[in-house]
């Protein structure tokens, strides 16, 4: 059994969960569930980034303490992830005592191992509270941050602790060029290589006018005590989740995969590995930088007023259909658009009329023609044809070509399409009318093949639609939980003797589900 420590970016506590948060968590959850079905020992980490100037300002505007604000937001985020079936093993908060201790220990370790990597420096520059980062001229358009165009940049002048990021340019370039693929997809890697080639600036590690955060372990030479800069606070969560500096967590460092949005790839593939190198700690195996979910061509943004109510979207056709649509429609290596019209089209065409209809027809025929018990049938051409798409499904999910979840769903749904075509080609209802032994054997072979196909489809779709997959699994008589089935042993599936049970429609067309 292989260890697989998988993380997402921790969500910043300044507003309710939006569709961008949901897209990342659902994609990571599909990967976590897929790895469990392969037999890996998965530890799936998500959480909340709860410190920083933006939180402090938002709390003041609402007339509450920062802790009251982040407690309420953490509860709302947790409720949404539960509703969406996110199977995280751990939910970390940067206000946790273990995290605070781990951040201090990491900074102190850098001071011990590479003491010259931190130094004092007076600094002035434009600061974006939305990004919690200082902005270079290339990141400013018309006097605004390119990522937060509605926010006013702040001119900041203060003396801080700085981290000597510029020291690690050669190391980072070699890391990104390593054939093992530290950063994927390739477009993200090229962006970071271009950033390194332009020259890396040292980065602030502490802030003087911020109180809501983790105290920086060492005072300035003046004796002033400062607060750890939010990215030096947030990034180490992946490490502190393991119990660092001890070993008190179930997860063990390093992580096998960080999943983050393309807008914060720089922090995870430039600053984070440099911090770990300075601390003389292992690096994560891989970082995957996904794209954005767009609405009308624009990125969802609270500050820019481009919003969509996630609760409304989930309620439209249910959580599993929402999961399916996002990962089918929005490529996990690029950007894609959301619209309710397209959601309805996918729901009806792919789920109600295709997979749901296939399961309903097959179960009904077995009940009618074989008393609800799946007959024996030898492997046939359908098994061979399915095997080719199953291999392609694995190559899109297992990391060998990256994490192309949209491609994996295409291959899984190709099995569904083939199953429906097989029904039309073989016409079991015509075979059932024949009274001869050859027709009876042919009908047994067709029905048995159809249930094997449904079983394979269900196992492959389980990481994407866990609740609906379990419903189908139970209706076709599959033993135990579909999540317990090994997706790398689908050739061993034999449905002979399973008892089918017709249930409620899997994807009703009229009524709108509420969860």
Protein backbone atom coordinates (compact mmCIF):
# COMPACT_ATOMS: atom_id res chain seq x y z
CA UNK A 1 0.00 0.00 0.00
CA UNK A 2 1.48 3.33 -1.09
CA UNK A 3 1.21 6.53 0.91
CA UNK A 4 -0.56 9.36 -0.94
CA UNK A 5 -0.69 12.72 0.84
CA UNK A 6 -2.86 15.07 -1.21
CA UNK A 7 -3.61 18.73 -0.45
CA UNK A 8 -5.55 21.67 -1.83
CA UNK A 9 -4.91 25.34 -1.24
CA UNK A 10 -6.38 26.45 2.07
CA UNK A 11 -9.24 28.90 1.51
CA UNK A 12 -8.90 32.48 2.63
CA UNK A 13 -11.39 33.46 5.32
CA UNK A 14 -12.91 36.62 3.92
CA UNK A 15 -16.17 35.41 2.36
CA UNK A 16 -18.39 32.42 1.67
CA UNK A 17 -17.23 29.50 -0.50
CA UNK A 18 -17.55 30.24 -4.22
CA UNK A 19 -17.52 28.07 -7.31
CA UNK A 20 -13.76 28.37 -7.70
CA UNK A 21 -13.28 26.87 -4.23
CA UNK A 22 -15.79 24.14 -5.10
CA UNK A 23 -14.08 23.28 -8.40
CA UNK A 24 -10.72 22.77 -6.70
CA UNK A 25 -12.11 20.70 -3.84
CA UNK A 26 -14.24 18.51 -6.10
CA UNK A 27 -11.31 17.87 -8.44
CA UNK A 28 -8.99 17.00 -5.57
CA UNK A 29 -11.67 14.79 -4.04
CA UNK A 30 -12.04 12.84 -7.30
CA UNK A 31 -8.28 12.22 -7.29
CA UNK A 32 -8.32 11.19 -3.61
CA UNK A 33 -11.20 8.77 -4.19
CA UNK A 34 -9.52 7.37 -7.28
CA UNK A 35 -6.29 6.74 -5.35
CA UNK A 36 -8.20 4.97 -2.56
CA UNK A 37 -9.81 2.70 -5.16
CA UNK A 38 -6.29 1.82 -6.31
CA UNK A 39 -5.48 0.70 -2.78
CA UNK A 40 -3.37 3.69 -1.72
CA UNK A 41 -3.23 4.94 1.86
CA UNK A 42 -4.64 8.41 1.13
CA UNK A 43 -4.54 11.41 3.42
CA UNK A 44 -6.55 14.28 1.93
CA UNK A 45 -5.98 17.70 3.51
CA UNK A 46 -8.03 20.88 3.08
CA UNK A 47 -8.46 23.86 5.38
CA UNK A 48 -8.69 27.58 6.05
CA UNK A 49 -6.17 30.42 5.84
CA UNK A 50 -7.40 32.63 8.68
CA UNK A 51 -4.77 35.31 9.32
CA UNK A 52 -3.83 38.49 7.52
CA UNK A 53 -4.76 42.09 6.93
CA UNK A 54 -7.84 41.32 4.85
CA UNK A 55 -9.39 39.24 7.65
CA UNK A 56 -8.53 41.91 10.18
CA UNK A 57 -10.19 44.61 8.05
CA UNK A 58 -13.29 42.52 7.30
CA UNK A 59 -13.79 41.71 10.99
CA UNK A 60 -13.51 45.40 11.88
CA UNK A 61 -16.08 46.30 9.23
CA UNK A 62 -18.50 43.72 10.68
CA UNK A 63 -17.87 44.80 14.25
CA UNK A 64 -16.60 41.40 15.42
CA UNK A 65 -13.25 40.01 16.45
CA UNK A 66 -11.19 38.23 13.79
CA UNK A 67 -11.59 34.93 15.67
CA UNK A 68 -15.38 35.21 15.68
CA UNK A 69 -15.30 35.94 11.94
CA UNK A 70 -13.06 33.00 11.02
CA UNK A 71 -14.95 30.57 13.26
CA UNK A 72 -18.19 31.39 11.45
CA UNK A 73 -16.59 31.13 8.02
CA UNK A 74 -14.86 27.84 8.83
CA UNK A 75 -18.23 26.38 9.81
CA UNK A 76 -19.82 27.54 6.54
CA UNK A 77 -16.97 26.15 4.43
CA UNK A 78 -17.08 22.82 6.27
CA UNK A 79 -20.85 22.56 5.73
CA UNK A 80 -20.43 23.18 1.99
CA UNK A 81 -17.72 20.54 1.63
CA UNK A 82 -19.87 18.05 3.48
CA UNK A 83 -22.79 18.83 1.18
CA UNK A 84 -20.59 18.28 -1.86
CA UNK A 85 -19.32 14.94 -0.56
CA UNK A 86 -15.71 16.04 -0.12
CA UNK A 87 -13.92 13.13 1.56
CA UNK A 88 -11.12 15.06 3.27
CA UNK A 89 -9.32 13.31 6.11
CA UNK A 90 -8.23 16.52 7.80
CA UNK A 91 -9.39 20.15 7.96
CA UNK A 92 -6.60 22.43 9.11
CA UNK A 93 -7.00 26.01 10.30
CA UNK A 94 -4.08 28.40 10.57
CA UNK A 95 -5.45 29.51 13.95
CA UNK A 96 -4.88 25.97 15.28
CA UNK A 97 -2.31 25.85 18.09
CA UNK A 98 -0.40 23.02 16.36
CA UNK A 99 -0.10 25.07 13.18
CA UNK A 100 1.07 28.18 14.99
CA UNK A 101 3.77 26.18 16.76
CA UNK A 102 4.83 24.51 13.52
CA UNK A 103 5.21 27.82 11.67
CA UNK A 104 7.45 29.20 14.39
CA UNK A 105 9.49 25.99 14.38
CA UNK A 106 9.95 26.14 10.60
CA UNK A 107 11.18 29.75 10.67
CA UNK A 108 13.50 28.99 13.57
CA UNK A 109 14.86 25.99 11.65
CA UNK A 110 15.71 28.25 8.70
CA UNK A 111 17.50 30.64 11.06
CA UNK A 112 19.48 27.68 12.41
CA UNK A 113 20.31 25.94 9.13
CA UNK A 114 20.77 28.98 6.87
CA UNK A 115 20.96 32.06 9.13
CA UNK A 116 21.79 34.46 6.27
CA UNK A 117 18.50 33.61 4.49
CA UNK A 118 16.66 36.06 6.75
CA UNK A 119 17.79 39.67 6.98
CA UNK A 120 16.35 43.07 7.92
CA UNK A 121 15.41 45.55 5.24
CA UNK A 122 13.50 48.79 4.90
CA UNK A 123 10.95 48.43 2.14
CA UNK A 124 8.37 50.46 0.28
CA UNK A 125 5.98 49.37 -2.42
CA UNK A 126 2.41 48.83 -3.55
CA UNK A 127 0.55 46.21 -1.51
CA UNK A 128 -2.65 44.42 -2.57
CA UNK A 129 -4.73 43.41 0.42
CA UNK A 130 -6.74 41.07 -1.85
CA UNK A 131 -3.61 39.08 -2.73
CA UNK A 132 -1.89 39.73 0.61
CA UNK A 133 1.19 40.46 -1.49
CA UNK A 134 3.40 43.28 -2.70
CA UNK A 135 2.95 43.94 -6.42
CA UNK A 136 5.58 44.48 -9.08
CA UNK A 137 5.04 46.90 -11.97
CA UNK A 138 4.20 43.94 -14.22
CA UNK A 139 1.33 42.98 -11.87
CA UNK A 140 -0.24 46.45 -11.88
CA UNK A 141 -2.56 47.71 -14.63
CA UNK A 142 -3.99 51.23 -14.56
CA UNK A 143 -2.90 51.57 -10.96
CA UNK A 144 -4.73 48.41 -9.88
CA UNK A 145 -3.75 44.81 -9.13
CA UNK A 146 -4.51 42.74 -12.23
CA UNK A 147 -6.17 40.07 -10.04
CA UNK A 148 -8.19 42.51 -7.88
CA UNK A 149 -9.02 45.45 -10.17
CA UNK A 150 -11.66 46.88 -7.83
CA UNK A 151 -9.31 47.18 -4.86
CA UNK A 152 -7.14 50.19 -4.17
CA UNK A 153 -3.47 49.37 -3.79
CA UNK A 154 -1.82 50.57 -0.59
CA UNK A 155 1.61 52.21 -0.52
CA UNK A 156 3.49 50.54 2.33
CA UNK A 157 6.73 51.72 3.92
CA UNK A 158 8.16 49.65 6.77
CA UNK A 159 11.18 47.72 8.00
CA UNK A 160 10.71 43.95 7.99
CA UNK A 161 12.42 40.62 8.07
CA UNK A 162 13.08 39.50 4.46
CA UNK A 163 13.68 36.03 3.03
CA UNK A 164 16.54 35.74 0.54
CA UNK A 165 14.53 34.16 -2.28
CA UNK A 166 16.99 35.46 -4.89
CA UNK A 167 19.54 32.94 -3.59
CA UNK A 168 17.45 30.02 -4.87
CA UNK A 169 16.99 30.90 -8.54
CA UNK A 170 19.31 28.18 -9.90
CA UNK A 171 17.87 25.58 -7.55
CA UNK A 172 14.31 26.45 -8.57
CA UNK A 173 15.10 26.43 -12.29
CA UNK A 174 16.64 22.96 -11.99
CA UNK A 175 13.63 21.79 -9.99
CA UNK A 176 11.18 22.99 -12.64
CA UNK A 177 13.22 21.46 -15.47
CA UNK A 178 13.56 18.09 -13.74
CA UNK A 179 12.02 15.33 -15.84
CA UNK A 180 9.94 14.11 -12.90
CA UNK A 181 7.58 17.02 -13.50
CA UNK A 182 7.51 18.97 -10.24
CA UNK A 183 5.07 21.52 -11.70
CA UNK A 184 2.31 20.66 -14.15
CA UNK A 185 0.70 21.34 -16.53
CA UNK A 186 3.53 22.49 -18.77
CA UNK A 187 2.00 25.93 -19.33
CA UNK A 188 2.35 26.70 -15.60
CA UNK A 189 5.94 25.48 -15.58
CA UNK A 190 6.80 27.77 -18.48
CA UNK A 191 5.27 30.74 -16.68
CA UNK A 192 7.38 30.09 -13.58
CA UNK A 193 10.56 29.58 -15.61
CA UNK A 194 9.95 32.94 -17.27
CA UNK A 195 9.49 34.48 -13.83
CA UNK A 196 12.82 33.07 -12.65
CA UNK A 197 14.54 34.28 -15.81
CA UNK A 198 13.38 37.84 -15.07
CA UNK A 199 15.12 37.60 -11.69
CA UNK A 200 13.68 36.77 -8.29
CA UNK A 201 13.20 39.47 -5.69
CA UNK A 202 13.59 38.73 -2.01
CA UNK A 203 10.24 38.59 -0.21
CA UNK A 204 8.94 40.00 3.03
CA UNK A 205 8.66 37.46 5.84
CA UNK A 206 7.12 39.72 8.47
CA UNK A 207 4.80 42.72 8.75
CA UNK A 208 4.91 45.53 11.28
CA UNK A 209 1.38 46.92 11.20
CA UNK A 210 -0.47 43.62 11.41
CA UNK A 211 -1.68 42.16 14.68
CA UNK A 212 -3.88 39.27 13.47
CA UNK A 213 -1.36 36.55 12.80
CA UNK A 214 1.46 34.45 14.21
CA UNK A 215 4.23 36.41 15.99
CA UNK A 216 7.49 36.25 14.06
CA UNK A 217 9.96 34.28 16.23
CA UNK A 218 12.73 36.89 16.29
CA UNK A 219 12.58 40.66 16.91
CA UNK A 220 14.23 43.21 14.65
CA UNK A 221 17.54 44.66 15.78
CA UNK A 222 15.52 47.59 17.12
CA UNK A 223 13.69 45.20 19.43
CA UNK A 224 10.40 45.56 17.51
CA UNK A 225 8.26 42.42 17.46
CA UNK A 226 6.46 41.77 14.17
CA UNK A 227 3.87 39.38 12.76
CA UNK A 228 4.66 36.57 10.32
CA UNK A 229 3.73 37.55 6.77
CA UNK A 230 0.61 35.68 5.71
CA UNK A 231 2.27 33.52 3.03
CA UNK A 232 4.95 32.37 5.49
CA UNK A 233 2.01 31.50 7.74
CA UNK A 234 -0.24 29.81 5.13
CA UNK A 235 2.15 27.71 3.02
CA UNK A 236 3.55 25.67 5.92
CA UNK A 237 0.06 24.25 6.69
CA UNK A 238 0.89 21.26 4.48
CA UNK A 239 3.84 20.54 6.74
CA UNK A 240 2.29 21.45 10.10
CA UNK A 241 -0.66 19.14 9.31
CA UNK A 242 1.74 16.24 9.86
CA UNK A 243 2.51 17.48 13.38
CA UNK A 244 5.79 19.19 12.47
CA UNK A 245 8.22 19.64 14.16
CA UNK A 246 7.23 16.30 15.67
CA UNK A 247 5.30 13.45 14.07
CA UNK A 248 1.86 13.74 15.62
CA UNK A 249 -0.34 13.47 12.53
CA UNK A 250 -1.48 10.55 10.37
CA UNK A 251 -0.06 12.24 7.28
CA UNK A 252 3.70 12.09 6.76
CA UNK A 253 5.75 14.66 4.90
CA UNK A 254 6.42 15.13 2.03
CA UNK A 255 3.13 15.48 0.19
CA UNK A 256 2.70 13.60 -3.07
CA UNK A 257 0.52 16.30 -4.63
CA UNK A 258 -0.44 19.93 -4.04
CA UNK A 259 -3.47 21.07 -6.05
CA UNK A 260 -3.71 24.87 -6.35
CA UNK A 261 -5.16 27.53 -8.62
CA UNK A 262 -2.96 29.02 -11.31
CA UNK A 263 -3.07 32.43 -9.61
CA UNK A 264 -1.10 31.13 -6.61
CA UNK A 265 1.23 28.77 -8.45
CA UNK A 266 4.11 31.20 -7.85
CA UNK A 267 3.79 30.92 -4.08
CA UNK A 268 3.68 27.10 -4.20
CA UNK A 269 6.45 26.51 -6.74
CA UNK A 270 8.83 29.39 -6.06
CA UNK A 271 8.50 30.57 -2.45
CA UNK A 272 7.40 27.29 -0.82
CA UNK A 273 10.16 25.03 -2.22
CA UNK A 274 12.73 27.73 -1.43
CA UNK A 275 11.51 27.84 2.17
CA UNK A 276 11.76 24.06 2.44
CA UNK A 277 15.21 24.06 0.89
CA UNK A 278 16.35 26.73 3.36
CA UNK A 279 14.99 24.58 6.20
CA UNK A 280 16.68 21.49 4.69
CA UNK A 281 13.40 19.61 4.46
CA UNK A 282 12.08 17.38 1.62
CA UNK A 283 10.05 18.94 -1.17
CA UNK A 284 6.55 17.88 -2.25
CA UNK A 285 6.57 15.50 -5.21
CA UNK A 286 4.33 17.53 -7.50
CA UNK A 287 2.23 20.68 -7.82
CA UNK A 288 -0.75 20.81 -10.19
CA UNK A 289 -1.97 24.30 -11.12
CA UNK A 290 -5.56 24.18 -12.35
CA UNK A 291 -7.37 26.94 -14.22
CA UNK A 292 -10.46 29.03 -13.50
CA UNK A 293 -14.20 28.55 -13.77
CA UNK A 294 -15.53 31.47 -15.80
CA UNK A 295 -18.95 33.09 -16.05
CA UNK A 296 -19.54 34.92 -19.30
CA UNK A 297 -15.81 34.85 -19.97
CA UNK A 298 -14.92 36.40 -16.61
CA UNK A 299 -13.37 34.79 -13.56
CA UNK A 300 -15.66 34.46 -10.55
CA UNK A 301 -14.64 37.21 -8.13
CA UNK A 302 -16.38 38.61 -5.08
CA UNK A 303 -14.51 41.89 -5.37
CA UNK A 304 -15.30 42.29 -9.08
CA UNK A 305 -18.96 41.37 -8.61
CA UNK A 306 -18.81 38.23 -10.79
CA UNK A 307 -20.61 35.78 -8.55
CA UNK A 308 -22.73 32.65 -8.58
CA UNK A 309 -24.60 31.21 -5.62
CA UNK A 310 -23.07 27.78 -5.10
CA UNK A 311 -26.05 26.64 -3.02
CA UNK A 312 -28.37 27.50 -5.90
CA UNK A 313 -26.17 25.67 -8.39
CA UNK A 314 -25.97 22.54 -6.21
CA UNK A 315 -29.72 22.57 -5.58
CA UNK A 316 -30.51 22.64 -9.29
CA UNK A 317 -29.76 18.96 -9.96
CA UNK A 318 -28.06 17.74 -6.79
CA UNK A 319 -24.51 17.57 -5.53
CA UNK A 320 -23.35 14.66 -7.68
CA UNK A 321 -24.64 16.20 -10.90
CA UNK A 322 -22.92 19.47 -9.97
CA UNK A 323 -19.66 17.59 -9.34
CA UNK A 324 -19.99 15.80 -12.67
CA UNK A 325 -20.75 18.95 -14.64
CA UNK A 326 -17.85 20.99 -13.28
CA UNK A 327 -15.26 18.29 -13.92
CA UNK A 328 -16.73 17.27 -17.29
CA UNK A 329 -17.14 20.81 -18.61
CA UNK A 330 -14.13 22.65 -17.17
CA UNK A 331 -10.77 21.14 -18.19
CA UNK A 332 -8.60 20.55 -15.13
CA UNK A 333 -5.59 21.89 -17.00
CA UNK A 334 -7.25 25.07 -18.26
CA UNK A 335 -10.19 27.43 -17.96
CA UNK A 336 -13.85 26.67 -18.68
CA UNK A 337 -17.24 28.30 -18.40
CA UNK A 338 -20.25 27.69 -16.21
CA UNK A 339 -23.82 28.37 -17.29
CA UNK A 340 -27.09 26.99 -16.02
CA UNK A 341 -28.19 26.31 -19.60
CA UNK A 342 -25.16 24.13 -20.22
CA UNK A 343 -25.61 22.46 -16.83
CA UNK A 344 -29.17 21.48 -17.79
CA UNK A 345 -28.00 20.16 -21.16
CA UNK A 346 -25.29 17.98 -19.61
CA UNK A 347 -27.62 16.76 -16.88
CA UNK A 348 -30.29 15.63 -19.32
CA UNK A 349 -28.05 14.27 -22.08
CA UNK A 350 -25.30 12.57 -20.05
CA UNK A 351 -26.97 11.62 -16.80
CA UNK A 352 -30.75 11.35 -17.18
CA UNK A 353 -30.97 10.12 -20.78
CA UNK A 354 -27.75 8.14 -20.94
CA UNK A 355 -26.42 6.63 -17.70
CA UNK A 356 -29.63 6.77 -15.69
CA UNK A 357 -31.67 5.42 -18.59
CA UNK A 358 -29.22 2.58 -19.24
CA UNK A 359 -29.29 1.47 -15.60
CA UNK A 360 -33.09 1.63 -15.47
CA UNK A 361 -33.56 -0.39 -18.68
CA UNK A 362 -31.06 -3.09 -17.74
CA UNK A 363 -32.48 -3.57 -14.25
CA UNK A 364 -36.04 -3.68 -15.60
CA UNK A 365 -35.12 -6.34 -18.19
CA UNK A 366 -33.38 -8.57 -15.65
CA UNK A 367 -36.37 -8.32 -13.33
CA UNK A 368 -38.76 -9.11 -16.18
CA UNK A 369 -36.82 -11.84 -17.98
CA UNK A 370 -34.73 -13.46 -15.24
CA UNK A 371 -36.63 -12.84 -12.00
CA UNK A 372 -34.16 -10.17 -10.88
CA UNK A 373 -31.11 -12.49 -10.82
CA UNK A 374 -28.17 -11.77 -13.13
CA UNK A 375 -27.50 -14.82 -15.33
CA UNK A 376 -24.09 -16.19 -16.21
CA UNK A 377 -22.42 -15.01 -19.38
CA UNK A 378 -18.93 -15.37 -20.78
CA UNK A 379 -16.75 -12.32 -21.54
CA UNK A 380 -17.50 -10.78 -24.93
CA UNK A 381 -16.44 -8.01 -27.29
CA UNK A 382 -17.94 -5.38 -24.96
CA UNK A 383 -15.43 -6.31 -22.27
CA UNK A 384 -12.57 -5.92 -24.74
CA UNK A 385 -13.84 -2.58 -26.04
CA UNK A 386 -14.37 -1.27 -22.51
CA UNK A 387 -10.84 -2.25 -21.53
CA UNK A 388 -9.36 0.20 -24.04
CA UNK A 389 -11.29 3.14 -22.59
CA UNK A 390 -10.52 2.00 -19.04
CA UNK A 391 -6.79 2.13 -19.80
CA UNK A 392 -7.21 5.65 -21.16
CA UNK A 393 -9.23 6.59 -18.07
CA UNK A 394 -6.38 5.50 -15.81
CA UNK A 395 -3.78 7.42 -17.82
CA UNK A 396 -5.85 10.59 -17.32
CA UNK A 397 -6.24 10.02 -13.56
CA UNK A 398 -3.06 8.42 -12.27
CA UNK A 399 -0.72 11.36 -12.86
CA UNK A 400 1.30 9.72 -15.62
CA UNK A 401 0.10 12.43 -18.03
CA UNK A 402 -1.00 14.87 -15.36
CA UNK A 403 -4.48 15.06 -13.86
CA UNK A 404 -6.87 15.38 -16.80
CA UNK A 405 -10.13 14.70 -15.01
CA UNK A 406 -12.26 15.91 -17.90
CA UNK A 407 -10.61 13.32 -20.15
CA UNK A 408 -11.19 10.57 -17.60
CA UNK A 409 -14.90 11.40 -17.58
CA UNK A 410 -15.01 11.34 -21.37
CA UNK A 411 -13.65 7.80 -21.33
CA UNK A 412 -15.99 6.67 -18.55
CA UNK A 413 -18.98 8.07 -20.41
CA UNK A 414 -17.80 6.33 -23.60
CA UNK A 415 -18.56 3.08 -21.77
CA UNK A 416 -22.07 4.35 -21.07
CA UNK A 417 -22.61 5.27 -24.71
CA UNK A 418 -21.39 1.86 -25.81
CA UNK A 419 -23.74 0.19 -23.32
CA UNK A 420 -26.76 2.01 -24.72
CA UNK A 421 -25.70 1.12 -28.26
CA UNK A 422 -25.32 -2.52 -27.22
CA UNK A 423 -28.91 -2.56 -25.96
CA UNK A 424 -30.18 -1.22 -29.29
CA UNK A 425 -28.02 -3.62 -31.31
CA UNK A 426 -28.87 -6.80 -29.41
CA UNK A 427 -32.52 -5.94 -28.62
CA UNK A 428 -32.94 -8.25 -25.61
CA UNK A 429 -36.72 -7.87 -25.76
CA UNK A 430 -36.70 -9.63 -29.13
CA UNK A 431 -34.54 -12.46 -27.82
CA UNK A 432 -36.95 -12.88 -24.90
CA UNK A 433 -39.78 -13.60 -27.29
CA UNK A 434 -37.97 -16.63 -28.69
CA UNK A 435 -38.56 -19.97 -26.98
CA UNK A 436 -35.53 -21.90 -28.26
CA UNK A 437 -32.47 -22.71 -26.16
CA UNK A 438 -30.07 -20.71 -28.34
CA UNK A 439 -32.09 -17.52 -27.84
CA UNK A 440 -32.24 -18.10 -24.09
CA UNK A 441 -28.45 -18.48 -23.94
CA UNK A 442 -28.03 -15.37 -26.10
CA UNK A 443 -30.32 -13.40 -23.78
CA UNK A 444 -28.35 -14.58 -20.73
CA UNK A 445 -25.12 -13.48 -22.42
CA UNK A 446 -26.50 -10.02 -23.27
CA UNK A 447 -27.97 -9.37 -19.83
CA UNK A 448 -24.85 -10.58 -18.06
CA UNK A 449 -22.67 -8.38 -20.29
CA UNK A 450 -24.85 -5.34 -19.62
CA UNK A 451 -24.55 -5.69 -15.85
CA UNK A 452 -20.79 -6.13 -16.10
CA UNK A 453 -20.69 -2.95 -18.15
CA UNK A 454 -22.82 -1.10 -15.62
CA UNK A 455 -20.62 -2.33 -12.79
CA UNK A 456 -17.48 -1.05 -14.52
CA UNK A 457 -19.11 2.28 -15.28
CA UNK A 458 -20.17 2.65 -11.68
CA UNK A 459 -16.70 1.97 -10.29
CA UNK A 460 -15.12 4.45 -12.73
CA UNK A 461 -17.70 7.16 -12.03
CA UNK A 462 -17.63 6.70 -8.24
CA UNK A 463 -14.81 9.27 -7.67
CA UNK A 464 -16.90 11.86 -9.51
CA UNK A 465 -20.43 10.99 -8.35
CA UNK A 466 -20.00 8.99 -5.15
CA UNK A 467 -23.63 9.02 -3.98
CA UNK A 468 -25.21 8.20 -7.32
CA UNK A 469 -22.58 5.55 -7.97
CA UNK A 470 -23.51 3.84 -4.71
CA UNK A 471 -27.19 3.96 -5.68
CA UNK A 472 -26.48 2.27 -9.01
CA UNK A 473 -24.19 -0.25 -7.32
CA UNK A 474 -26.92 -1.24 -4.89
CA UNK A 475 -29.59 -1.42 -7.60
CA UNK A 476 -27.53 -3.83 -9.72
CA UNK A 477 -26.83 -5.94 -6.63
CA UNK A 478 -23.15 -5.13 -6.19
CA UNK A 479 -21.68 -6.31 -2.87
CA UNK A 480 -20.68 -3.81 -0.17
CA UNK A 481 -19.61 -0.32 -1.11
CA UNK A 482 -18.67 0.73 -4.61
CA UNK A 483 -15.83 2.75 -3.09
CA UNK A 484 -14.31 -0.50 -1.83
CA UNK A 485 -13.96 -1.85 -5.38
CA UNK A 486 -10.47 -1.79 -6.88
CA UNK A 487 -10.51 0.21 -10.11
CA UNK A 488 -7.37 -1.57 -11.31
CA UNK A 489 -9.05 -5.00 -11.10
CA UNK A 490 -12.16 -4.43 -13.19
CA UNK A 491 -11.38 -7.52 -15.26
CA UNK A 492 -12.22 -9.59 -12.18
CA UNK A 493 -15.77 -8.26 -11.87
CA UNK A 494 -18.33 -11.06 -12.23
CA UNK A 495 -21.96 -10.13 -11.65
CA UNK A 496 -23.33 -13.66 -11.97
CA UNK A 497 -25.95 -14.26 -9.28
CA UNK A 498 -26.33 -10.62 -8.23
CA UNK A 499 -29.91 -9.66 -7.44
CA UNK A 500 -31.05 -6.39 -8.96
CA UNK A 501 -33.49 -4.04 -7.22
CA UNK A 502 -35.23 -1.26 -9.09
CA UNK A 503 -35.06 2.02 -7.17
CA UNK A 504 -36.17 5.60 -7.62
CA UNK A 505 -35.09 7.36 -10.83
CA UNK A 506 -31.42 8.22 -10.55
CA UNK A 507 -31.62 11.53 -12.38
CA UNK A 508 -35.21 12.80 -12.44
CA UNK A 509 -35.88 15.29 -15.21
CA UNK A 510 -38.64 17.32 -13.66
CA UNK A 511 -38.08 17.82 -9.94
CA UNK A 512 -35.04 19.84 -8.94
CA UNK A 513 -33.01 18.15 -6.21
CA UNK A 514 -31.97 20.07 -3.11
CA UNK A 515 -28.71 18.34 -2.31
